[in-house]
């Protein structure tokens, strides 16, 4: 997402204006945490794995488009839920899930 996209999302969802400087500060603060989450090691065993998709509509370039968020959630042997993956795509083809 560009800072302009972030600005528009915050304005649309929360109804507030955020400066470009504030957007940069927030982005710079959370990016290391996102990278750490993405590179964390997985457990050797997950007794349960759930895969699901959430469909929603987004406004992009004055058009309304369908998007999908693919979520893979696992439960550890200790019973703790762990999100393994969140991926945004255009639809829910079976080939996509095979790739997961």
Protein backbone atom coordinates (compact mmCIF):
# COMPACT_ATOMS: atom_id res chain seq x y z
CA UNK A 1 0.00 0.00 0.00
CA UNK A 2 1.20 3.47 -0.77
CA UNK A 3 1.03 6.24 1.82
CA UNK A 4 -1.77 7.75 -0.26
CA UNK A 5 -3.71 4.45 0.03
CA UNK A 6 -3.12 4.42 3.79
CA UNK A 7 -4.27 8.05 4.03
CA UNK A 8 -7.47 7.29 2.10
CA UNK A 9 -8.20 4.15 4.14
CA UNK A 10 -7.81 5.97 7.46
CA UNK A 11 -9.97 8.83 6.22
CA UNK A 12 -12.67 6.47 4.93
CA UNK A 13 -12.73 4.12 7.92
CA UNK A 14 -12.15 6.52 10.81
CA UNK A 15 -13.11 9.88 9.28
CA UNK A 16 -9.86 11.55 10.32
CA UNK A 17 -7.01 13.18 8.44
CA UNK A 18 -3.50 11.90 9.19
CA UNK A 19 -0.42 13.75 8.04
CA UNK A 20 2.11 12.11 5.73
CA UNK A 21 4.68 12.41 8.53
CA UNK A 22 2.42 10.52 10.94
CA UNK A 23 1.74 7.81 8.33
CA UNK A 24 5.49 7.37 7.81
CA UNK A 25 6.13 7.15 11.56
CA UNK A 26 3.42 4.51 12.01
CA UNK A 27 4.58 2.52 8.98
CA UNK A 28 8.23 2.64 10.06
CA UNK A 29 7.21 1.47 13.55
CA UNK A 30 5.17 -1.58 12.45
CA UNK A 31 7.20 -2.77 9.43
CA UNK A 32 9.92 -4.45 11.56
CA UNK A 33 7.23 -6.29 13.53
CA UNK A 34 5.57 -7.46 10.32
CA UNK A 35 8.90 -8.68 8.92
CA UNK A 36 9.62 -10.52 12.19
CA UNK A 37 6.18 -12.20 12.09
CA UNK A 38 6.66 -13.22 8.45
CA UNK A 39 10.07 -14.80 9.12
CA UNK A 40 9.23 -16.61 12.38
CA UNK A 41 9.79 -20.38 12.45
CA UNK A 42 6.79 -22.70 12.26
CA UNK A 43 6.14 -25.50 14.73
CA UNK A 44 6.96 -29.00 13.57
CA UNK A 45 3.39 -30.20 14.27
CA UNK A 46 -0.01 -28.49 14.09
CA UNK A 47 -2.83 -30.92 14.99
CA UNK A 48 -5.44 -28.70 13.31
CA UNK A 49 -5.18 -26.35 10.35
CA UNK A 50 -8.08 -24.22 9.11
CA UNK A 51 -8.13 -22.45 5.76
CA UNK A 52 -10.74 -19.86 4.91
CA UNK A 53 -11.37 -16.89 2.68
CA UNK A 54 -13.07 -13.60 3.39
CA UNK A 55 -14.48 -11.82 0.35
CA UNK A 56 -14.94 -8.07 0.29
CA UNK A 57 -15.23 -5.17 -2.11
CA UNK A 58 -12.63 -2.41 -2.44
CA UNK A 59 -12.64 0.90 -4.24
CA UNK A 60 -9.66 1.23 -6.55
CA UNK A 61 -9.28 3.90 -9.24
CA UNK A 62 -12.95 4.86 -8.98
CA UNK A 63 -14.01 1.21 -9.51
CA UNK A 64 -15.40 -1.35 -7.09
CA UNK A 65 -13.41 -4.61 -7.24
CA UNK A 66 -13.81 -7.99 -5.55
CA UNK A 67 -10.91 -9.11 -3.39
CA UNK A 68 -10.30 -12.08 -1.15
CA UNK A 69 -8.19 -12.51 1.96
CA UNK A 70 -6.90 -16.08 2.33
CA UNK A 71 -6.23 -17.04 5.93
CA UNK A 72 -4.46 -20.14 7.23
CA UNK A 73 -4.96 -20.63 10.96
CA UNK A 74 -3.38 -23.47 12.92
CA UNK A 75 -3.77 -24.77 16.44
CA UNK A 76 -0.61 -25.84 18.27
CA UNK A 77 -0.35 -28.97 20.42
CA UNK A 78 -0.73 -26.59 23.40
CA UNK A 79 -4.08 -25.37 22.03
CA UNK A 80 -2.79 -21.94 20.98
CA UNK A 81 -4.12 -20.46 17.74
CA UNK A 82 -1.44 -19.29 15.33
CA UNK A 83 -2.09 -17.47 12.06
CA UNK A 84 0.30 -19.00 9.56
CA UNK A 85 -0.58 -16.88 6.56
CA UNK A 86 -2.69 -13.96 5.41
CA UNK A 87 -2.67 -13.40 1.65
CA UNK A 88 -4.74 -11.03 -0.45
CA UNK A 89 -5.90 -12.15 -3.88
CA UNK A 90 -8.65 -11.71 -6.42
CA UNK A 91 -10.70 -14.90 -5.97
CA UNK A 92 -10.65 -18.37 -4.40
CA UNK A 93 -9.35 -20.86 -6.97
CA UNK A 94 -8.53 -24.36 -5.80
CA UNK A 95 -5.06 -24.03 -7.37
CA UNK A 96 -4.32 -21.17 -4.99
CA UNK A 97 -5.05 -23.37 -1.97
CA UNK A 98 -2.89 -26.17 -3.40
CA UNK A 99 -0.02 -23.69 -3.48
CA UNK A 100 -0.49 -22.87 0.17
